[in-house]
Amino acid sequence: MPLTMNKEVFITAAVTGSGSTQDRSPHVPRSPKEIAESAIDAAKAGAAIVHCHVRDPETGVPSRDVKLYREVTDRVRDSDVDIVLNLTAGMGGDIVFGPTDAPFPVNKAGTDMIGAEERVAHVAECRPEICTLDCGTMNFAEADYVMTNTPGMLRAMGKMMTEMGVKPEIEAFDTGHLWFAKELVKEGVLDSPALVQLCMGVPWGAPDDLNTFMAMVNNVPDDWTFSAFALGRNQMAYAAAAVLAGGNVRVGLEDNLWLDKGVLATNAQLVTRARGVIEGMGARVIGPDEVRAKLGLTKRAPV
């Protein structure tokens, strides 16, 4: 398929994530105040969307405490900087099995399995414009950990998001996730045109080679909007690849801690670098109001 470069690109800043990166860089924000400030700085640098997880303010361990999400969203909304809020709904589907010779009972220390309504409780409370929907179950790098998203769970969560008026961002870690996302649209669980994030290089999902990337792109319906990212050193290369393939860009400390070899980045610095890549290719970086118009988003305060 011939490539059609995107000339009007939005940047998403994924500011903290749920990985164990809190002790690997002093720039990874932990508290709601730090997360909100980092999101605001990223927006000032050119990000139209900020994708937020929350963490325990003391330990930095990922959390799904609704009060922490509310504080982050309130701080962002109370600022004088306009931002499209995108909250994760990816937590609460974690299973860590026992050793291979005795997988049950599961490891209680790492297992966190909750129901669909609880997984989107913070979305119902904060009413962001976007929230994520990880469209499949996947093995991550850890030996016995599985990110669990069954078809039934995804149908239930997707229906709740749609009824709330919050646009799901489909997180696709492999082509099968896009296949199921198209089924959710066909069933009327999700509205069309949909929004997709192509997640490249996450073990053990789609590897970040260009052939696989184009297979992912070619599985996105023509009228849908997609962004893409890759982990670590390939983050900026895939910013360029995403624009060239007709998509948008995600960067941030959730996916990459480094600005240059040996130089730890801030979220704002990564957005600035991505903006330079995009503009250097002859495209324009668009702001939050243009993103809302493009995606049909509704900006509102918490309820």
C-alpha atoms as a PDB file:
ATOM      1  CA  MET A   1       0.000   0.000   0.000  1.00  0.00           C
ATOM      2  CA  PRO A   2       1.416   3.448  -0.859  1.00  0.00           C
ATOM      3  CA  LEU A   3       2.162   5.677   2.104  1.00  0.00           C
ATOM      4  CA  THR A   4       0.295   8.932   2.616  1.00  0.00           C
ATOM      5  CA  MET A   5       2.173  11.138   5.043  1.00  0.00           C
ATOM      6  CA  ASN A   6       0.168  12.887   7.744  1.00  0.00           C
ATOM      7  CA  LYS A   7       0.568  16.648   7.446  1.00  0.00           C
ATOM      8  CA  GLU A   8      -1.335  17.570  10.623  1.00  0.00           C
ATOM      9  CA  VAL A   9      -0.010  15.562  13.549  1.00  0.00           C
ATOM     10  CA  PHE A  10      -0.939  15.445  17.206  1.00  0.00           C
ATOM     11  CA  ILE A  11       1.475  14.410  19.927  1.00  0.00           C
ATOM     12  CA  THR A  12       0.463  12.332  22.938  1.00  0.00           C
ATOM     13  CA  ALA A  13       2.725  12.487  26.000  1.00  0.00           C
ATOM     14  CA  ALA A  14       2.593   9.323  28.113  1.00  0.00           C
ATOM     15  CA  VAL A  15       3.998  10.884  31.242  1.00  0.00           C
ATOM     16  CA  THR A  16       4.551   8.124  33.804  1.00  0.00           C
ATOM     17  CA  GLY A  17       3.104   4.683  32.921  1.00  0.00           C
ATOM     18  CA  SER A  18       2.804   1.639  35.145  1.00  0.00           C
ATOM     19  CA  GLY A  19       6.256   0.133  34.690  1.00  0.00           C
ATOM     20  CA  SER A  20       8.839  -0.175  37.450  1.00  0.00           C
ATOM     21  CA  THR A  21      10.725   2.913  36.257  1.00  0.00           C
ATOM     22  CA  GLN A  22      10.211   5.077  39.330  1.00  0.00           C
ATOM     23  CA  ASP A  23      13.731   4.438  40.667  1.00  0.00           C
ATOM     24  CA  ARG A  24      15.481   4.532  37.298  1.00  0.00           C
ATOM     25  CA  SER A  25      15.056   8.251  36.669  1.00  0.00           C
ATOM     26  CA  PRO A  26      14.389  11.202  38.976  1.00  0.00           C
ATOM     27  CA  HIS A  27      12.194  12.686  36.233  1.00  0.00           C
ATOM     28  CA  VAL A  28       9.515   9.969  36.414  1.00  0.00           C
ATOM     29  CA  PRO A  29       6.655  11.730  38.242  1.00  0.00           C
ATOM     30  CA  ARG A  30       5.109   9.988  41.269  1.00  0.00           C
ATOM     31  CA  SER A  31       2.668  12.193  43.141  1.00  0.00           C
ATOM     32  CA  PRO A  32      -0.489  13.641  41.561  1.00  0.00           C
ATOM     33  CA  LYS A  33       1.139  17.083  41.759  1.00  0.00           C
ATOM     34  CA  GLU A  34       4.254  15.876  39.937  1.00  0.00           C
ATOM     35  CA  ILE A  35       2.228  13.984  37.316  1.00  0.00           C
ATOM     36  CA  ALA A  36       0.004  17.001  36.644  1.00  0.00           C
ATOM     37  CA  GLU A  37       2.968  19.380  36.453  1.00  0.00           C
ATOM     38  CA  SER A  38       4.793  17.060  34.059  1.00  0.00           C
ATOM     39  CA  ALA A  39       1.652  16.791  31.922  1.00  0.00           C
ATOM     40  CA  ILE A  40       1.293  20.578  31.836  1.00  0.00           C
ATOM     41  CA  ASP A  41       4.963  21.016  30.883  1.00  0.00           C
ATOM     42  CA  ALA A  42       4.510  18.452  28.092  1.00  0.00           C
ATOM     43  CA  ALA A  43       1.485  20.385  26.815  1.00  0.00           C
ATOM     44  CA  LYS A  44       3.454  23.630  26.838  1.00  0.00           C
ATOM     45  CA  ALA A  45       6.102  21.859  24.739  1.00  0.00           C
ATOM     46  CA  GLY A  46       3.508  20.857  22.138  1.00  0.00           C
ATOM     47  CA  ALA A  47       1.614  17.771  23.309  1.00  0.00           C
ATOM     48  CA  ALA A  48      -2.110  18.001  22.609  1.00  0.00           C
ATOM     49  CA  ILE A  49      -2.934  14.859  24.635  1.00  0.00           C
ATOM     50  CA  VAL A  50      -1.514  13.609  27.925  1.00  0.00           C
ATOM     51  CA  HIS A  51      -1.879   9.940  28.816  1.00  0.00           C
ATOM     52  CA  CYS A  52      -1.819   9.445  32.587  1.00  0.00           C
ATOM     53  CA  HIS A  53      -1.415   6.607  35.038  1.00  0.00           C
ATOM     54  CA  VAL A  54      -1.093   7.290  38.775  1.00  0.00           C
ATOM     55  CA  ARG A  55       1.428   6.067  41.333  1.00  0.00           C
ATOM     56  CA  ASP A  56       1.675   5.810  45.089  1.00  0.00           C
ATOM     57  CA  PRO A  57       3.184   9.195  46.021  1.00  0.00           C
ATOM     58  CA  GLU A  58       5.583   7.653  48.540  1.00  0.00           C
ATOM     59  CA  THR A  59       6.839   4.505  46.805  1.00  0.00           C
ATOM     60  CA  GLY A  60       6.174   5.319  43.156  1.00  0.00           C
ATOM     61  CA  VAL A  61       4.474   1.933  42.741  1.00  0.00           C
ATOM     62  CA  PRO A  62       1.651   2.025  40.142  1.00  0.00           C
ATOM     63  CA  SER A  63      -1.793   2.525  41.662  1.00  0.00           C
ATOM     64  CA  ARG A  64      -5.443   2.623  40.594  1.00  0.00           C
ATOM     65  CA  ASP A  65      -6.652   4.768  43.497  1.00  0.00           C
ATOM     66  CA  VAL A  66      -9.584   6.856  42.223  1.00  0.00           C
ATOM     67  CA  LYS A  67      -8.660   9.752  44.539  1.00  0.00           C
ATOM     68  CA  LEU A  68      -5.216  10.009  42.937  1.00  0.00           C
ATOM     69  CA  TYR A  69      -6.749  10.119  39.463  1.00  0.00           C
ATOM     70  CA  ARG A  70      -9.182  12.794  40.597  1.00  0.00           C
ATOM     71  CA  GLU A  71      -6.365  14.935  41.987  1.00  0.00           C
ATOM     72  CA  VAL A  72      -4.373  14.649  38.755  1.00  0.00           C
ATOM     73  CA  THR A  73      -7.354  15.590  36.582  1.00  0.00           C
ATOM     74  CA  ASP A  74      -8.383  18.452  38.842  1.00  0.00           C
ATOM     75  CA  ARG A  75      -4.858  19.879  38.863  1.00  0.00           C
ATOM     76  CA  VAL A  76      -4.612  19.658  35.072  1.00  0.00           C
ATOM     77  CA  ARG A  77      -8.047  21.199  34.539  1.00  0.00           C
ATOM     78  CA  ASP A  78      -7.377  23.979  37.038  1.00  0.00           C
ATOM     79  CA  SER A  79      -4.240  25.028  35.158  1.00  0.00           C
ATOM     80  CA  ASP A  80      -4.210  27.702  32.466  1.00  0.00           C
ATOM     81  CA  VAL A  81      -2.982  25.195  29.871  1.00  0.00           C
ATOM     82  CA  ASP A  82      -5.461  23.395  27.619  1.00  0.00           C
ATOM     83  CA  ILE A  83      -4.863  19.623  27.385  1.00  0.00           C
ATOM     84  CA  VAL A  84      -6.849  16.625  26.164  1.00  0.00           C
ATOM     85  CA  LEU A  85      -6.903  14.146  29.064  1.00  0.00           C
ATOM     86  CA  ASN A  86      -6.371  10.450  28.361  1.00  0.00           C
ATOM     87  CA  LEU A  87      -6.522   8.188  31.435  1.00  0.00           C
ATOM     88  CA  THR A  88      -5.429   4.567  31.429  1.00  0.00           C
ATOM     89  CA  ALA A  89      -7.988   1.842  32.062  1.00  0.00           C
ATOM     90  CA  GLY A  90      -5.413  -0.880  31.681  1.00  0.00           C
ATOM     91  CA  MET A  91      -4.908  -1.833  35.309  1.00  0.00           C
ATOM     92  CA  GLY A  92      -6.814  -4.517  37.190  1.00  0.00           C
ATOM     93  CA  GLY A  93      -6.226  -7.336  34.717  1.00  0.00           C
ATOM     94  CA  ASP A  94      -2.942  -8.704  36.061  1.00  0.00           C
ATOM     95  CA  ILE A  95      -2.308 -12.386  36.748  1.00  0.00           C
ATOM     96  CA  VAL A  96       1.018 -13.691  38.037  1.00  0.00           C
ATOM     97  CA  PHE A  97       0.998 -17.468  38.002  1.00  0.00           C
ATOM     98  CA  GLY A  98       2.976 -19.715  40.285  1.00  0.00           C
ATOM     99  CA  PRO A  99       6.013 -21.667  39.024  1.00  0.00           C
ATOM    100  CA  THR A 100       5.682 -23.794  35.916  1.00  0.00           C
ATOM    101  CA  ASP A 101       5.281 -27.009  37.890  1.00  0.00           C
ATOM    102  CA  ALA A 102       2.541 -25.505  40.092  1.00  0.00           C
ATOM    103  CA  PRO A 103       0.879 -22.476  38.397  1.00  0.00           C
ATOM    104  CA  PHE A 104      -2.013 -22.482  40.902  1.00  0.00           C
ATOM    105  CA  PRO A 105      -2.605 -20.865  43.274  1.00  0.00           C
ATOM    106  CA  VAL A 106      -1.570 -17.633  41.573  1.00  0.00           C
ATOM    107  CA  ASN A 107       0.929 -15.286  43.143  1.00  0.00           C
ATOM    108  CA  LYS A 108      -1.178 -12.933  45.281  1.00  0.00           C
ATOM    109  CA  ALA A 109       1.585 -10.348  45.513  1.00  0.00           C
ATOM    110  CA  GLY A 110       1.426  -9.557  41.792  1.00  0.00           C
ATOM    111  CA  THR A 111      -2.096 -10.606  40.825  1.00  0.00           C
ATOM    112  CA  ASP A 112      -4.679  -7.818  40.612  1.00  0.00           C
ATOM    113  CA  MET A 113      -7.919  -8.949  38.969  1.00  0.00           C
ATOM    114  CA  ILE A 114     -11.045  -6.836  39.350  1.00  0.00           C
ATOM    115  CA  GLY A 115     -14.373  -6.455  37.554  1.00  0.00           C
ATOM    116  CA  ALA A 116     -15.155  -4.239  34.584  1.00  0.00           C
ATOM    117  CA  GLU A 117     -17.028  -1.590  36.570  1.00  0.00           C
ATOM    118  CA  GLU A 118     -14.165  -1.204  39.049  1.00  0.00           C
ATOM    119  CA  ARG A 119     -11.624  -1.033  36.213  1.00  0.00           C
ATOM    120  CA  VAL A 120     -13.377   2.057  34.839  1.00  0.00           C
ATOM    121  CA  ALA A 121     -14.437   3.607  38.176  1.00  0.00           C
ATOM    122  CA  HIS A 122     -11.897   6.427  37.855  1.00  0.00           C
ATOM    123  CA  VAL A 123     -13.080   7.094  34.297  1.00  0.00           C
ATOM    124  CA  ALA A 124     -16.657   7.453  35.540  1.00  0.00           C
ATOM    125  CA  GLU A 125     -15.448   9.783  38.317  1.00  0.00           C
ATOM    126  CA  CYS A 126     -13.086  11.979  36.286  1.00  0.00           C
ATOM    127  CA  ARG A 127     -14.730  11.909  32.829  1.00  0.00           C
ATOM    128  CA  PRO A 128     -11.602  12.385  30.715  1.00  0.00           C
ATOM    129  CA  GLU A 129     -12.027  12.908  26.997  1.00  0.00           C
ATOM    130  CA  ILE A 130     -10.166   9.673  26.197  1.00  0.00           C
ATOM    131  CA  CYS A 131      -9.359   6.483  28.104  1.00  0.00           C
ATOM    132  CA  THR A 132      -7.425   3.436  26.969  1.00  0.00           C
ATOM    133  CA  LEU A 133      -8.795  -0.006  26.129  1.00  0.00           C
ATOM    134  CA  ASP A 134      -6.094  -2.689  25.817  1.00  0.00           C
ATOM    135  CA  CYS A 135      -7.711  -4.873  23.166  1.00  0.00           C
ATOM    136  CA  GLY A 136      -6.262  -8.267  24.051  1.00  0.00           C
ATOM    137  CA  THR A 137      -4.515 -10.572  26.468  1.00  0.00           C
ATOM    138  CA  MET A 138      -0.727 -10.639  26.228  1.00  0.00           C
ATOM    139  CA  ASN A 139       2.416 -12.110  27.736  1.00  0.00           C
ATOM    140  CA  PHE A 140       4.799  -9.384  28.876  1.00  0.00           C
ATOM    141  CA  ALA A 141       8.524  -9.826  29.456  1.00  0.00           C
ATOM    142  CA  GLU A 142       8.095 -11.263  32.957  1.00  0.00           C
ATOM    143  CA  ALA A 143       8.134 -15.065  33.029  1.00  0.00           C
ATOM    144  CA  ASP A 144       4.767 -15.770  34.672  1.00  0.00           C
ATOM    145  CA  TYR A 145       2.856 -12.483  34.250  1.00  0.00           C
ATOM    146  CA  VAL A 146      -0.108 -12.178  31.888  1.00  0.00           C
ATOM    147  CA  MET A 147      -1.990  -8.986  31.030  1.00  0.00           C
ATOM    148  CA  THR A 148      -5.533 -10.350  30.922  1.00  0.00           C
ATOM    149  CA  ASN A 149      -8.294  -8.794  28.829  1.00  0.00           C
ATOM    150  CA  THR A 150     -10.895 -11.364  27.837  1.00  0.00           C
ATOM    151  CA  PRO A 151     -13.412 -10.682  25.041  1.00  0.00           C
ATOM    152  CA  GLY A 152     -16.198 -10.499  27.625  1.00  0.00           C
ATOM    153  CA  MET A 153     -14.288  -8.035  29.789  1.00  0.00           C
ATOM    154  CA  LEU A 154     -13.464  -5.836  26.800  1.00  0.00           C
ATOM    155  CA  ARG A 155     -17.060  -5.818  25.617  1.00  0.00           C
ATOM    156  CA  ALA A 156     -18.229  -4.787  29.092  1.00  0.00           C
ATOM    157  CA  MET A 157     -15.577  -2.074  29.523  1.00  0.00           C
ATOM    158  CA  GLY A 158     -16.009  -0.766  25.981  1.00  0.00           C
ATOM    159  CA  LYS A 159     -19.781  -0.492  26.417  1.00  0.00           C
ATOM    160  CA  MET A 160     -19.339   1.469  29.667  1.00  0.00           C
ATOM    161  CA  MET A 161     -16.841   3.851  28.061  1.00  0.00           C
ATOM    162  CA  THR A 162     -19.132   4.470  25.096  1.00  0.00           C
ATOM    163  CA  GLU A 163     -22.129   5.111  27.344  1.00  0.00           C
ATOM    164  CA  MET A 164     -20.075   7.575  29.423  1.00  0.00           C
ATOM    165  CA  GLY A 165     -19.225   9.558  26.298  1.00  0.00           C
ATOM    166  CA  VAL A 166     -15.491   8.900  26.802  1.00  0.00           C
ATOM    167  CA  LYS A 167     -13.654   7.914  23.616  1.00  0.00           C
ATOM    168  CA  PRO A 168     -11.707   4.661  23.950  1.00  0.00           C
ATOM    169  CA  GLU A 169      -8.165   4.676  22.642  1.00  0.00           C
ATOM    170  CA  ILE A 170      -7.667   1.113  21.451  1.00  0.00           C
ATOM    171  CA  GLU A 171      -4.249  -0.093  22.580  1.00  0.00           C
ATOM    172  CA  ALA A 172      -3.091  -2.646  20.008  1.00  0.00           C
ATOM    173  CA  PHE A 173      -0.007  -4.681  20.866  1.00  0.00           C
ATOM    174  CA  ASP A 174      -0.439  -7.089  17.934  1.00  0.00           C
ATOM    175  CA  THR A 175      -2.557  -7.536  14.811  1.00  0.00           C
ATOM    176  CA  GLY A 176      -5.067  -9.773  16.597  1.00  0.00           C
ATOM    177  CA  HIS A 177      -5.925  -6.879  18.889  1.00  0.00           C
ATOM    178  CA  LEU A 178      -6.884  -4.809  15.853  1.00  0.00           C
ATOM    179  CA  TRP A 179      -8.959  -7.710  14.550  1.00  0.00           C
ATOM    180  CA  PHE A 180     -10.951  -7.778  17.791  1.00  0.00           C
ATOM    181  CA  ALA A 181     -11.240  -3.974  17.879  1.00  0.00           C
ATOM    182  CA  LYS A 182     -12.891  -4.092  14.459  1.00  0.00           C
ATOM    183  CA  GLU A 183     -15.273  -6.720  15.825  1.00  0.00           C
ATOM    184  CA  LEU A 184     -16.187  -4.415  18.741  1.00  0.00           C
ATOM    185  CA  VAL A 185     -17.039  -1.664  16.255  1.00  0.00           C
ATOM    186  CA  LYS A 186     -19.017  -4.117  14.107  1.00  0.00           C
ATOM    187  CA  GLU A 187     -21.014  -5.155  17.200  1.00  0.00           C
ATOM    188  CA  GLY A 188     -21.706  -1.532  18.131  1.00  0.00           C
ATOM    189  CA  VAL A 189     -19.739  -1.728  21.392  1.00  0.00           C
ATOM    190  CA  LEU A 190     -17.368   0.988  20.129  1.00  0.00           C
ATOM    191  CA  ASP A 191     -18.234   3.850  17.827  1.00  0.00           C
ATOM    192  CA  SER A 192     -16.638   4.332  14.438  1.00  0.00           C
ATOM    193  CA  PRO A 193     -14.361   5.931  13.409  1.00  0.00           C
ATOM    194  CA  ALA A 194     -12.205   4.615  16.241  1.00  0.00           C
ATOM    195  CA  LEU A 195      -8.921   5.807  17.762  1.00  0.00           C
ATOM    196  CA  VAL A 196      -5.973   3.400  17.899  1.00  0.00           C
ATOM    197  CA  GLN A 197      -2.552   3.387  19.537  1.00  0.00           C
ATOM    198  CA  LEU A 198      -0.090   1.005  17.860  1.00  0.00           C
ATOM    199  CA  CYS A 199       2.279  -0.267  20.562  1.00  0.00           C
ATOM    200  CA  MET A 200       5.543  -1.460  19.025  1.00  0.00           C
ATOM    201  CA  GLY A 201       8.409  -3.324  20.639  1.00  0.00           C
ATOM    202  CA  VAL A 202       6.635  -4.365  23.862  1.00  0.00           C
ATOM    203  CA  PRO A 203       7.713  -7.925  24.730  1.00  0.00           C
ATOM    204  CA  TRP A 204       5.996 -10.143  23.626  1.00  0.00           C
ATOM    205  CA  GLY A 205       3.738  -8.214  21.307  1.00  0.00           C
ATOM    206  CA  ALA A 206       4.490  -6.747  17.893  1.00  0.00           C
ATOM    207  CA  PRO A 207       8.250  -6.274  17.423  1.00  0.00           C
ATOM    208  CA  ASP A 208       9.400  -2.838  16.352  1.00  0.00           C
ATOM    209  CA  ASP A 209      10.544  -3.681  12.853  1.00  0.00           C
ATOM    210  CA  LEU A 210       9.114  -1.787   9.898  1.00  0.00           C
ATOM    211  CA  ASN A 211       7.550  -4.822   8.221  1.00  0.00           C
ATOM    212  CA  THR A 212       5.536  -5.583  11.358  1.00  0.00           C
ATOM    213  CA  PHE A 213       4.718  -1.912  11.806  1.00  0.00           C
ATOM    214  CA  MET A 214       3.290  -1.694   8.299  1.00  0.00           C
ATOM    215  CA  ALA A 215       1.299  -4.876   8.910  1.00  0.00           C
ATOM    216  CA  MET A 216      -0.215  -3.110  11.922  1.00  0.00           C
ATOM    217  CA  VAL A 217      -0.877   0.083   9.942  1.00  0.00           C
ATOM    218  CA  ASN A 218      -2.486  -1.898   7.107  1.00  0.00           C
ATOM    219  CA  ASN A 219      -4.899  -3.478   9.596  1.00  0.00           C
ATOM    220  CA  VAL A 220      -6.220  -0.077  10.730  1.00  0.00           C
ATOM    221  CA  PRO A 221      -9.380   0.898   8.780  1.00  0.00           C
ATOM    222  CA  ASP A 222      -8.862   3.886   6.503  1.00  0.00           C
ATOM    223  CA  ASP A 223     -11.319   6.126   8.375  1.00  0.00           C
ATOM    224  CA  TRP A 224      -9.831   5.431  11.833  1.00  0.00           C
ATOM    225  CA  THR A 225      -7.164   7.620  13.469  1.00  0.00           C
ATOM    226  CA  PHE A 226      -3.969   6.024  14.738  1.00  0.00           C
ATOM    227  CA  SER A 227      -0.883   6.941  16.696  1.00  0.00           C
ATOM    228  CA  ALA A 228       2.182   4.829  17.272  1.00  0.00           C
ATOM    229  CA  PHE A 229       5.141   4.493  19.585  1.00  0.00           C
ATOM    230  CA  ALA A 230       8.128   2.246  20.163  1.00  0.00           C
ATOM    231  CA  LEU A 231      10.110   1.678  23.335  1.00  0.00           C
ATOM    232  CA  GLY A 232      13.494   3.013  24.316  1.00  0.00           C
ATOM    233  CA  ARG A 233      16.040   4.026  21.708  1.00  0.00           C
ATOM    234  CA  ASN A 234      13.557   3.635  18.836  1.00  0.00           C
ATOM    235  CA  GLN A 235      11.053   6.149  20.209  1.00  0.00           C
ATOM    236  CA  MET A 236      11.989   9.000  17.876  1.00  0.00           C
ATOM    237  CA  ALA A 237      12.509   6.739  14.863  1.00  0.00           C
ATOM    238  CA  TYR A 238       8.925   5.573  15.225  1.00  0.00           C
ATOM    239  CA  ALA A 239       7.727   9.135  15.620  1.00  0.00           C
ATOM    240  CA  ALA A 240       9.013   9.672  12.083  1.00  0.00           C
ATOM    241  CA  ALA A 241       7.669   6.313  10.867  1.00  0.00           C
ATOM    242  CA  ALA A 242       4.206   7.036  12.273  1.00  0.00           C
ATOM    243  CA  VAL A 243       3.983  10.401  10.502  1.00  0.00           C
ATOM    244  CA  LEU A 244       5.242   8.918   7.225  1.00  0.00           C
ATOM    245  CA  ALA A 245       2.647   6.125   7.458  1.00  0.00           C
ATOM    246  CA  GLY A 246      -0.198   8.608   7.971  1.00  0.00           C
ATOM    247  CA  GLY A 247      -0.434   8.537  11.748  1.00  0.00           C
ATOM    248  CA  ASN A 248       0.258  10.529  14.884  1.00  0.00           C
ATOM    249  CA  VAL A 249       2.944  10.372  17.554  1.00  0.00           C
ATOM    250  CA  ARG A 250       3.291   9.252  21.152  1.00  0.00           C
ATOM    251  CA  VAL A 251       6.371   9.911  23.264  1.00  0.00           C
ATOM    252  CA  GLY A 252       7.047  10.165  26.988  1.00  0.00           C
ATOM    253  CA  LEU A 253       8.678   8.579  30.010  1.00  0.00           C
ATOM    254  CA  GLU A 254       6.210   5.668  30.034  1.00  0.00           C
ATOM    255  CA  ASP A 255       8.021   4.340  26.962  1.00  0.00           C
ATOM    256  CA  ASN A 256      11.535   5.765  27.100  1.00  0.00           C
ATOM    257  CA  LEU A 257      13.660   7.402  29.805  1.00  0.00           C
ATOM    258  CA  TRP A 258      16.461   8.773  27.616  1.00  0.00           C
ATOM    259  CA  LEU A 259      16.976  11.910  25.559  1.00  0.00           C
ATOM    260  CA  ASP A 260      20.436  10.925  24.340  1.00  0.00           C
ATOM    261  CA  LYS A 261      22.931   8.248  25.333  1.00  0.00           C
ATOM    262  CA  GLY A 262      23.612   8.780  29.042  1.00  0.00           C
ATOM    263  CA  VAL A 263      21.188  11.737  29.254  1.00  0.00           C
ATOM    264  CA  LEU A 264      17.934  11.199  31.137  1.00  0.00           C
ATOM    265  CA  ALA A 265      14.949  12.992  29.627  1.00  0.00           C
ATOM    266  CA  THR A 266      11.964  14.885  30.937  1.00  0.00           C
ATOM    267  CA  ASN A 267       8.568  14.524  29.288  1.00  0.00           C
ATOM    268  CA  ALA A 268       8.758  18.076  27.953  1.00  0.00           C
ATOM    269  CA  GLN A 269      12.155  17.389  26.370  1.00  0.00           C
ATOM    270  CA  LEU A 270      10.829  14.290  24.611  1.00  0.00           C
ATOM    271  CA  VAL A 271       7.846  16.242  23.270  1.00  0.00           C
ATOM    272  CA  THR A 272      10.172  19.008  22.066  1.00  0.00           C
ATOM    273  CA  ARG A 273      12.380  16.443  20.305  1.00  0.00           C
ATOM    274  CA  ALA A 274       9.343  14.791  18.686  1.00  0.00           C
ATOM    275  CA  ARG A 275       8.022  18.165  17.574  1.00  0.00           C
ATOM    276  CA  GLY A 276      11.330  18.832  15.876  1.00  0.00           C
ATOM    277  CA  VAL A 277      11.118  15.489  14.048  1.00  0.00           C
ATOM    278  CA  ILE A 278       7.552  16.176  12.900  1.00  0.00           C
ATOM    279  CA  GLU A 279       8.169  19.733  11.778  1.00  0.00           C
ATOM    280  CA  GLY A 280      11.444  18.720  10.145  1.00  0.00           C
ATOM    281  CA  MET A 281       9.426  16.357   7.950  1.00  0.00           C
ATOM    282  CA  GLY A 282       7.246  19.263   6.816  1.00  0.00           C
ATOM    283  CA  ALA A 283       4.190  18.446   8.928  1.00  0.00           C
ATOM    284  CA  ARG A 284       2.368  20.690  11.398  1.00  0.00           C
ATOM    285  CA  VAL A 285       1.795  19.865  15.080  1.00  0.00           C
ATOM    286  CA  ILE A 286      -1.848  20.501  15.981  1.00  0.00           C
ATOM    287  CA  GLY A 287      -3.249  21.569  19.341  1.00  0.00           C
ATOM    288  CA  PRO A 288      -5.985  20.264  21.638  1.00  0.00           C
ATOM    289  CA  ASP A 289      -8.899  22.134  20.053  1.00  0.00           C
ATOM    290  CA  GLU A 290      -8.038  20.740  16.631  1.00  0.00           C
ATOM    291  CA  VAL A 291      -7.718  17.253  18.143  1.00  0.00           C
ATOM    292  CA  ARG A 292     -11.170  17.571  19.714  1.00  0.00           C
ATOM    293  CA  ALA A 293     -12.633  18.574  16.364  1.00  0.00           C
ATOM    294  CA  LYS A 294     -10.811  15.746  14.581  1.00  0.00           C
ATOM    295  CA  LEU A 295     -11.831  13.030  17.061  1.00  0.00           C
ATOM    296  CA  GLY A 296     -15.245  14.340  18.098  1.00  0.00           C
ATOM    297  CA  LEU A 297     -14.270  14.758  21.749  1.00  0.00           C
ATOM    298  CA  THR A 298     -16.260  16.466  24.467  1.00  0.00           C
ATOM    299  CA  LYS A 299     -14.346  18.527  27.027  1.00  0.00           C
ATOM    300  CA  ARG A 300     -16.036  18.627  30.424  1.00  0.00           C
ATOM    301  CA  ALA A 301     -15.337  18.932  34.133  1.00  0.00           C
ATOM    302  CA  PRO A 302     -15.563  15.946  36.502  1.00  0.00           C
ATOM    303  CA  VAL A 303     -19.003  14.902  37.754  1.00  0.00           C
END
